[in-house]
Amino acid sequence: MRKRELGRTGLMVSEICLGTMTWGTQNTEAEGHAQIDHALARGVDFLDTAEMYPVNPVTAETVGDTETIIGSWLAKSGRRDEVVIASKIAGPGQIIRKGEQIDPANIRRALEASLTRLRTDYIDLYQFHWPNRGSYHFRQNWGFDASKQPARAEVIENMAACLATLKDLVAEGKIRHFGLSNESAWGTAQWLALAEAGHGPRVASIQNEYSLMCRLYDTDLAELGVHEDVTCLAYSPLAVGMLSGKYSGGAVPEGSRRSLNRELGGRSNPRAYEIADVYVGIAREAGLDPVTMAIAWVLGRPFPVIPIIGGTSVAQLDKSLDAAGMVLPPDVLKAIEKAHHAHPMPF
């Protein structure tokens, strides 16, 4: 497994990150532990979680359970120094601290709770799950209206205060690095500028959706990532399973995400499934597993990027892990680009 630097931190992590958001709903504690063990055996040392996980669905009763499962693995295995752990504080609009923004007091409260659940003294990468001012992610791009955001001065004041708190937490040894999630190019640029002005730690990463079927990142954030060395942590690199081919023909496999969330977070529509089948066909014609091709394509993008993989079984993980070190042949890349031009913006 190759290593990639996380931003400009000097921290080297596996080129593939293991996502954990199903642990506690679709996966048991034992299954979560088995996935960590297997991923480590195959060279993955980077885990991503969040205080609001698990999902499918997110409920008040299960919030934090995924971190608890990781914490029990750390306590049982004693292998904290072998893994890099990323977690997130939730923003407004979710069931955690309902309506409360990410601010200095909530950062400390949320971090302490995560540290307790994870049974660790520090989190390697602490991320803001989404901006206080809202974002265009999760299909909100169709009606996004930036003019309804708070005044610029208010936004910048909050960012500076949050960075000051993060700076203190780094000094206290409770976090090592800072990352964003579901952010925009403008927002990321402000965080970077404030860090350069001395307000706090520099943004190392931005966790946004990115896959063969969701390429908003290409249009602005990729440029920022290249020039500013901000690593994209690409979530949903399989388009929530569409690119595996398991939903072809309207199928709803038992236990799949679609069986629990029929709309797949607003991605489910006839055109999207048809487009997914185009990519699945490209992979199969080339003798590749469609999952492996989709992850290998993300790994080969011309900007700093690490895909976050996930699955409800170890066998599912293996198809994604097989992409490590893979370089797709030119004819496959050409077919992919042709499909993208013919079928843009599927959801």
Protein backbone atom coordinates (compact mmCIF):
# COMPACT_ATOMS: atom_id res chain seq x y z
CA MET A 1 0.00 0.00 0.00
CA ARG A 2 1.49 3.32 -1.06
CA LYS A 3 1.53 6.28 1.32
CA ARG A 4 0.38 9.84 0.67
CA GLU A 5 1.06 12.96 2.70
CA LEU A 6 -1.94 14.53 4.38
CA GLY A 7 -1.81 18.15 3.24
CA ARG A 8 1.44 19.77 4.35
CA THR A 9 1.44 18.04 7.72
CA GLY A 10 4.26 15.61 7.08
CA LEU A 11 1.88 12.86 8.23
CA MET A 12 1.99 9.95 5.78
CA VAL A 13 -1.12 7.79 5.57
CA SER A 14 -2.24 4.88 3.40
CA GLU A 15 -3.50 5.92 -0.04
CA ILE A 16 -6.88 4.41 0.87
CA CYS A 17 -8.86 5.32 3.99
CA LEU A 18 -11.27 2.97 5.74
CA GLY A 19 -14.70 4.51 6.34
CA THR A 20 -16.68 3.34 9.36
CA MET A 21 -20.13 4.92 9.13
CA THR A 22 -22.06 1.62 8.96
CA TRP A 23 -20.66 0.29 12.23
CA GLY A 24 -23.47 0.26 14.76
CA THR A 25 -26.39 -0.05 12.33
CA GLN A 26 -25.51 -2.23 9.34
CA ASN A 27 -22.49 -3.73 11.09
CA THR A 28 -21.98 -5.14 14.57
CA GLU A 29 -19.06 -4.32 16.82
CA ALA A 30 -17.38 -7.63 15.93
CA GLU A 31 -17.77 -6.91 12.22
CA GLY A 32 -16.29 -3.44 12.65
CA HIS A 33 -13.30 -4.90 14.46
CA ALA A 34 -12.85 -7.50 11.73
CA GLN A 35 -12.82 -4.77 9.09
CA ILE A 36 -10.09 -2.85 10.93
CA ASP A 37 -7.99 -5.98 11.34
CA HIS A 38 -8.36 -6.88 7.68
CA ALA A 39 -7.65 -3.37 6.42
CA LEU A 40 -4.51 -3.17 8.56
CA ALA A 41 -3.35 -6.52 7.22
CA ARG A 42 -3.67 -5.09 3.71
CA GLY A 43 -1.78 -1.91 4.51
CA VAL A 44 -4.55 0.56 5.42
CA ASP A 45 -3.66 2.59 8.52
CA PHE A 46 -6.14 5.49 8.10
CA LEU A 47 -9.66 5.37 9.62
CA ASP A 48 -12.41 7.97 9.23
CA THR A 49 -15.36 8.38 11.57
CA ALA A 50 -17.60 11.11 13.03
CA GLU A 51 -19.48 11.87 16.22
CA MET A 52 -22.83 11.52 14.39
CA TYR A 53 -22.09 8.01 13.02
CA PRO A 54 -23.51 5.46 12.38
CA VAL A 55 -25.82 6.33 9.50
CA ASN A 56 -28.61 4.44 7.72
CA PRO A 57 -30.28 5.85 9.70
CA VAL A 58 -28.84 8.54 11.97
CA THR A 59 -30.76 8.39 15.26
CA ALA A 60 -30.41 9.92 18.70
CA GLU A 61 -30.09 6.40 20.12
CA THR A 62 -27.10 5.42 17.97
CA VAL A 63 -25.15 8.69 17.70
CA GLY A 64 -21.56 8.04 18.74
CA ASP A 65 -21.78 4.26 18.51
CA THR A 66 -19.26 4.04 15.67
CA GLU A 67 -16.63 5.87 17.70
CA THR A 68 -17.41 3.55 20.60
CA ILE A 69 -16.78 0.52 18.38
CA ILE A 70 -13.42 1.93 17.28
CA GLY A 71 -12.61 2.70 20.91
CA SER A 72 -13.29 -0.86 22.00
CA TRP A 73 -10.99 -2.11 19.22
CA LEU A 74 -8.23 0.25 20.39
CA ALA A 75 -8.65 -0.91 24.00
CA LYS A 76 -8.65 -4.58 23.00
CA SER A 77 -5.82 -4.45 20.48
CA GLY A 78 -3.48 -1.90 22.04
CA ARG A 79 -2.58 -0.77 18.50
CA ARG A 80 -3.30 2.96 18.76
CA ASP A 81 0.13 3.86 17.38
CA GLU A 82 -0.54 1.83 14.21
CA VAL A 83 -3.58 3.81 13.05
CA VAL A 84 -4.33 7.38 12.05
CA ILE A 85 -7.82 8.35 13.22
CA ALA A 86 -9.94 11.10 11.68
CA SER A 87 -13.21 12.20 13.25
CA LYS A 88 -15.63 15.11 12.87
CA ILE A 89 -17.72 17.53 14.86
CA ALA A 90 -21.25 17.85 13.48
CA GLY A 91 -22.54 21.19 12.24
CA PRO A 92 -25.98 22.73 12.72
CA GLY A 93 -29.09 21.03 11.40
CA GLN A 94 -28.48 17.54 12.80
CA ILE A 95 -29.70 15.78 15.93
CA ILE A 96 -26.51 16.46 17.87
CA ARG A 97 -26.70 19.77 19.76
CA LYS A 98 -29.72 20.68 17.64
CA GLY A 99 -29.24 23.94 15.78
CA GLU A 100 -25.99 24.78 17.55
CA GLN A 101 -23.14 25.99 15.39
CA ILE A 102 -19.54 24.89 15.42
CA ASP A 103 -17.96 27.35 17.83
CA PRO A 104 -15.23 27.24 20.52
CA ALA A 105 -17.46 25.87 23.28
CA ASN A 106 -19.02 23.17 21.11
CA ILE A 107 -15.66 22.16 19.66
CA ARG A 108 -14.32 21.42 23.12
CA ARG A 109 -17.50 19.66 24.23
CA ALA A 110 -17.70 17.50 21.11
CA LEU A 111 -13.99 16.66 21.10
CA GLU A 112 -13.96 15.54 24.73
CA ALA A 113 -16.95 13.27 24.06
CA SER A 114 -15.27 11.78 20.99
CA LEU A 115 -12.03 11.18 22.88
CA THR A 116 -13.97 9.36 25.60
CA ARG A 117 -15.81 7.14 23.11
CA LEU A 118 -12.64 6.45 21.14
CA ARG A 119 -10.67 5.69 24.30
CA THR A 120 -7.72 7.72 23.10
CA ASP A 121 -5.89 10.83 24.24
CA TYR A 122 -5.81 12.44 20.81
CA ILE A 123 -7.40 12.50 17.35
CA ASP A 124 -5.01 12.74 14.42
CA LEU A 125 -7.33 14.70 12.12
CA TYR A 126 -10.24 16.66 13.54
CA GLN A 127 -12.71 17.78 10.87
CA PHE A 128 -15.67 20.16 10.71
CA HIS A 129 -18.44 18.02 9.20
CA TRP A 130 -20.03 20.92 7.30
CA PRO A 131 -19.91 24.72 7.42
CA ASN A 132 -22.13 26.72 9.75
CA ARG A 133 -23.23 28.84 6.80
CA GLY A 134 -24.56 25.85 4.85
CA SER A 135 -23.21 24.25 1.68
CA TYR A 136 -24.14 22.95 -1.76
CA HIS A 137 -23.41 19.30 -0.96
CA PHE A 138 -25.85 16.39 -0.68
CA ARG A 139 -27.81 17.55 -3.74
CA GLN A 140 -28.30 21.05 -2.33
CA ASN A 141 -26.36 22.36 -5.36
CA TRP A 142 -29.63 22.49 -7.31
CA GLY A 143 -31.00 25.27 -5.16
CA PHE A 144 -27.90 26.70 -3.51
CA ASP A 145 -28.16 30.43 -2.79
CA ALA A 146 -25.01 31.97 -1.30
CA SER A 147 -26.73 35.32 -0.81
CA LYS A 148 -28.62 33.87 2.16
CA GLN A 149 -25.47 33.23 4.16
CA PRO A 150 -24.48 35.30 7.21
CA ALA A 151 -22.48 38.48 6.65
CA ARG A 152 -18.85 37.93 5.69
CA ALA A 153 -17.56 39.60 8.87
CA GLU A 154 -19.63 37.22 11.02
CA VAL A 155 -18.35 34.18 9.13
CA ILE A 156 -14.71 35.27 9.39
CA GLU A 157 -15.04 36.09 13.09
CA ASN A 158 -16.39 32.61 13.80
CA MET A 159 -13.64 30.97 11.73
CA ALA A 160 -10.92 32.88 13.59
CA ALA A 161 -12.40 31.94 16.97
CA CYS A 162 -12.62 28.27 15.98
CA LEU A 163 -9.03 28.26 14.75
CA ALA A 164 -7.84 29.79 18.02
CA THR A 165 -9.54 26.94 19.89
CA LEU A 166 -8.01 24.36 17.57
CA LYS A 167 -4.59 25.93 18.11
CA ASP A 168 -5.01 25.47 21.86
CA LEU A 169 -6.14 21.86 21.38
CA VAL A 170 -3.07 21.11 19.28
CA ALA A 171 -0.90 22.60 22.02
CA GLU A 172 -2.72 20.45 24.58
CA GLY A 173 -2.02 17.34 22.49
CA LYS A 174 -5.71 16.52 21.98
CA ILE A 175 -5.68 16.90 18.19
CA ARG A 176 -2.82 16.83 15.70
CA HIS A 177 -4.28 18.31 12.53
CA PHE A 178 -7.38 20.09 11.20
CA GLY A 179 -9.61 19.26 8.24
CA LEU A 180 -12.85 20.37 6.62
CA SER A 181 -15.79 18.51 5.10
CA ASN A 182 -18.54 19.51 2.67
CA GLU A 183 -16.80 22.86 2.17
CA SER A 184 -16.50 25.19 -0.81
CA ALA A 185 -13.46 26.71 -2.49
CA TRP A 186 -14.27 30.12 -0.98
CA GLY A 187 -14.64 28.71 2.52
CA THR A 188 -11.45 26.68 2.31
CA ALA A 189 -9.55 29.71 1.04
CA GLN A 190 -10.68 31.73 4.08
CA TRP A 191 -9.56 29.03 6.49
CA LEU A 192 -6.18 28.95 4.76
CA ALA A 193 -5.79 32.73 4.84
CA LEU A 194 -6.62 32.89 8.54
CA ALA A 195 -4.14 30.13 9.31
CA GLU A 196 -1.42 31.97 7.38
CA ALA A 197 -2.25 35.06 9.46
CA GLY A 198 -1.45 33.06 12.59
CA HIS A 199 -4.94 32.31 13.91
CA GLY A 200 -4.50 28.54 14.09
CA PRO A 201 -3.65 25.29 12.30
CA ARG A 202 -3.61 25.07 8.52
CA VAL A 203 -6.27 23.03 6.74
CA ALA A 204 -4.79 19.66 5.85
CA SER A 205 -7.75 18.10 4.06
CA ILE A 206 -11.27 18.54 2.81
CA GLN A 207 -13.67 15.60 2.86
CA ASN A 208 -16.11 16.06 -0.02
CA GLU A 209 -18.08 13.71 -2.23
CA TYR A 210 -16.14 12.59 -5.29
CA SER A 211 -16.60 9.74 -7.74
CA LEU A 212 -17.02 8.94 -11.42
CA MET A 213 -20.60 10.18 -11.02
CA CYS A 214 -20.01 13.22 -8.80
CA ARG A 215 -17.27 15.49 -10.11
CA LEU A 216 -18.13 18.92 -8.70
CA TYR A 217 -14.69 18.91 -7.05
CA ASP A 218 -12.99 19.09 -10.45
CA THR A 219 -14.34 22.54 -11.21
CA ASP A 220 -12.77 24.61 -8.44
CA LEU A 221 -11.53 22.72 -5.39
CA ALA A 222 -9.11 20.58 -7.39
CA GLU A 223 -7.20 23.73 -8.35
CA LEU A 224 -7.08 24.82 -4.72
CA GLY A 225 -5.92 21.35 -3.70
CA VAL A 226 -3.03 21.42 -6.16
CA HIS A 227 -1.76 24.91 -5.30
CA GLU A 228 -2.41 24.77 -1.55
CA ASP A 229 -1.62 21.09 -0.90
CA VAL A 230 -5.03 20.35 0.59
CA THR A 231 -5.86 16.65 0.32
CA CYS A 232 -9.30 15.62 -0.87
CA LEU A 233 -10.69 12.80 1.25
CA ALA A 234 -13.18 11.50 -1.29
CA TYR A 235 -16.32 10.09 0.29
CA SER A 236 -18.83 7.95 -1.63
CA PRO A 237 -16.23 7.04 -4.31
CA LEU A 238 -18.60 4.26 -5.43
CA ALA A 239 -21.57 6.64 -5.67
CA VAL A 240 -23.16 4.90 -2.63
CA GLY A 241 -22.80 1.52 -4.32
CA MET A 242 -24.21 2.43 -7.73
CA LEU A 243 -20.83 1.91 -9.37
CA SER A 244 -20.63 -1.66 -8.08
CA GLY A 245 -23.49 -2.68 -10.38
CA LYS A 246 -25.52 -4.14 -7.53
CA TYR A 247 -28.47 -1.82 -8.22
CA SER A 248 -28.64 -2.56 -11.96
CA GLY A 249 -32.12 -3.16 -13.29
CA GLY A 250 -33.72 -1.60 -10.23
CA ALA A 251 -32.39 -4.24 -7.85
CA VAL A 252 -32.61 -3.60 -4.11
CA PRO A 253 -30.36 -6.21 -2.45
CA GLU A 254 -31.31 -7.17 1.09
CA GLY A 255 -29.20 -5.31 3.64
CA SER A 256 -27.92 -2.81 1.09
CA ARG A 257 -28.00 0.93 1.67
CA ARG A 258 -30.82 1.23 -0.84
CA SER A 259 -32.91 -1.20 1.19
CA LEU A 260 -32.59 1.19 4.14
CA ASN A 261 -32.53 4.51 2.30
CA ARG A 262 -34.44 4.11 -0.96
CA GLU A 263 -33.56 7.61 -2.23
CA LEU A 264 -29.83 7.20 -1.47
CA GLY A 265 -29.55 10.74 -0.21
CA GLY A 266 -31.20 12.21 -3.30
CA ARG A 267 -29.04 10.26 -5.77
CA SER A 268 -31.66 7.71 -6.77
CA ASN A 269 -33.19 8.34 -10.19
CA PRO A 270 -33.53 6.23 -13.36
CA ARG A 271 -30.91 8.23 -15.26
CA ALA A 272 -28.32 7.75 -12.49
CA TYR A 273 -28.69 3.97 -12.55
CA GLU A 274 -28.38 3.94 -16.33
CA ILE A 275 -25.20 6.02 -16.16
CA ALA A 276 -23.77 3.78 -13.44
CA ASP A 277 -24.32 0.83 -15.75
CA VAL A 278 -22.26 2.58 -18.45
CA TYR A 279 -19.26 2.71 -16.10
CA VAL A 280 -19.86 -0.84 -14.92
CA GLY A 281 -19.84 -1.90 -18.57
CA ILE A 282 -16.52 -0.15 -19.21
CA ALA A 283 -14.96 -2.02 -16.31
CA ARG A 284 -16.27 -5.41 -17.32
CA GLU A 285 -15.23 -4.95 -20.95
CA ALA A 286 -11.71 -4.24 -19.67
CA GLY A 287 -11.74 -7.31 -17.44
CA LEU A 288 -11.85 -5.24 -14.27
CA ASP A 289 -14.14 -5.38 -11.29
CA PRO A 290 -16.24 -2.19 -11.46
CA VAL A 291 -15.54 -1.40 -7.81
CA THR A 292 -11.80 -1.72 -8.30
CA MET A 293 -11.91 0.45 -11.41
CA ALA A 294 -13.90 3.19 -9.68
CA ILE A 295 -11.46 3.39 -6.75
CA ALA A 296 -8.40 3.21 -9.03
CA TRP A 297 -9.80 6.09 -11.08
CA VAL A 298 -10.09 8.27 -7.96
CA LEU A 299 -6.56 7.34 -6.92
CA GLY A 300 -5.27 8.47 -10.31
CA ARG A 301 -6.78 11.96 -10.30
CA PRO A 302 -4.37 14.88 -10.88
CA PHE A 303 -4.75 16.46 -7.43
CA PRO A 304 -4.06 15.30 -3.86
CA VAL A 305 -6.73 12.71 -3.08
CA ILE A 306 -7.41 9.71 -0.85
CA PRO A 307 -10.64 7.72 -1.38
CA ILE A 308 -12.61 6.64 1.68
CA ILE A 309 -13.88 3.11 1.16
CA GLY A 310 -16.48 1.19 3.13
CA GLY A 311 -18.56 -1.92 3.08
CA THR A 312 -20.70 -4.15 5.19
CA SER A 313 -18.36 -7.12 4.79
CA VAL A 314 -14.66 -7.83 4.53
CA ALA A 315 -15.25 -9.30 1.07
CA GLN A 316 -16.69 -5.98 -0.11
CA LEU A 317 -13.62 -4.15 1.18
CA ASP A 318 -11.27 -6.37 -0.81
CA LYS A 319 -12.60 -5.18 -4.16
CA SER A 320 -11.78 -1.60 -3.20
CA LEU A 321 -8.44 -2.50 -1.64
CA ASP A 322 -7.42 -4.24 -4.87
CA ALA A 323 -7.17 -0.76 -6.44
CA ALA A 324 -4.13 0.12 -4.33
CA GLY A 325 -1.17 0.83 -6.60
CA MET A 326 -3.25 0.31 -9.74
CA VAL A 327 -2.85 2.52 -12.81
CA LEU A 328 -5.74 2.27 -15.25
CA PRO A 329 -4.77 1.74 -18.92
CA PRO A 330 -5.21 4.64 -21.38
CA ASP A 331 -8.08 3.00 -23.26
CA VAL A 332 -10.10 2.63 -20.04
CA LEU A 333 -9.44 6.25 -19.08
CA LYS A 334 -10.49 7.37 -22.55
CA ALA A 335 -13.73 5.40 -22.32
CA ILE A 336 -14.42 6.90 -18.89
CA GLU A 337 -13.97 10.45 -20.15
CA LYS A 338 -16.19 9.77 -23.14
CA ALA A 339 -18.91 8.49 -20.79
CA HIS A 340 -18.53 11.53 -18.54
CA HIS A 341 -18.97 13.96 -21.44
CA ALA A 342 -22.03 12.08 -22.64
CA HIS A 343 -23.62 11.72 -19.19
CA PRO A 344 -22.67 14.63 -16.87
CA MET A 345 -24.27 15.42 -13.51
CA PRO A 346 -26.36 12.28 -12.99
CA PHE A 347 -27.72 13.47 -9.65
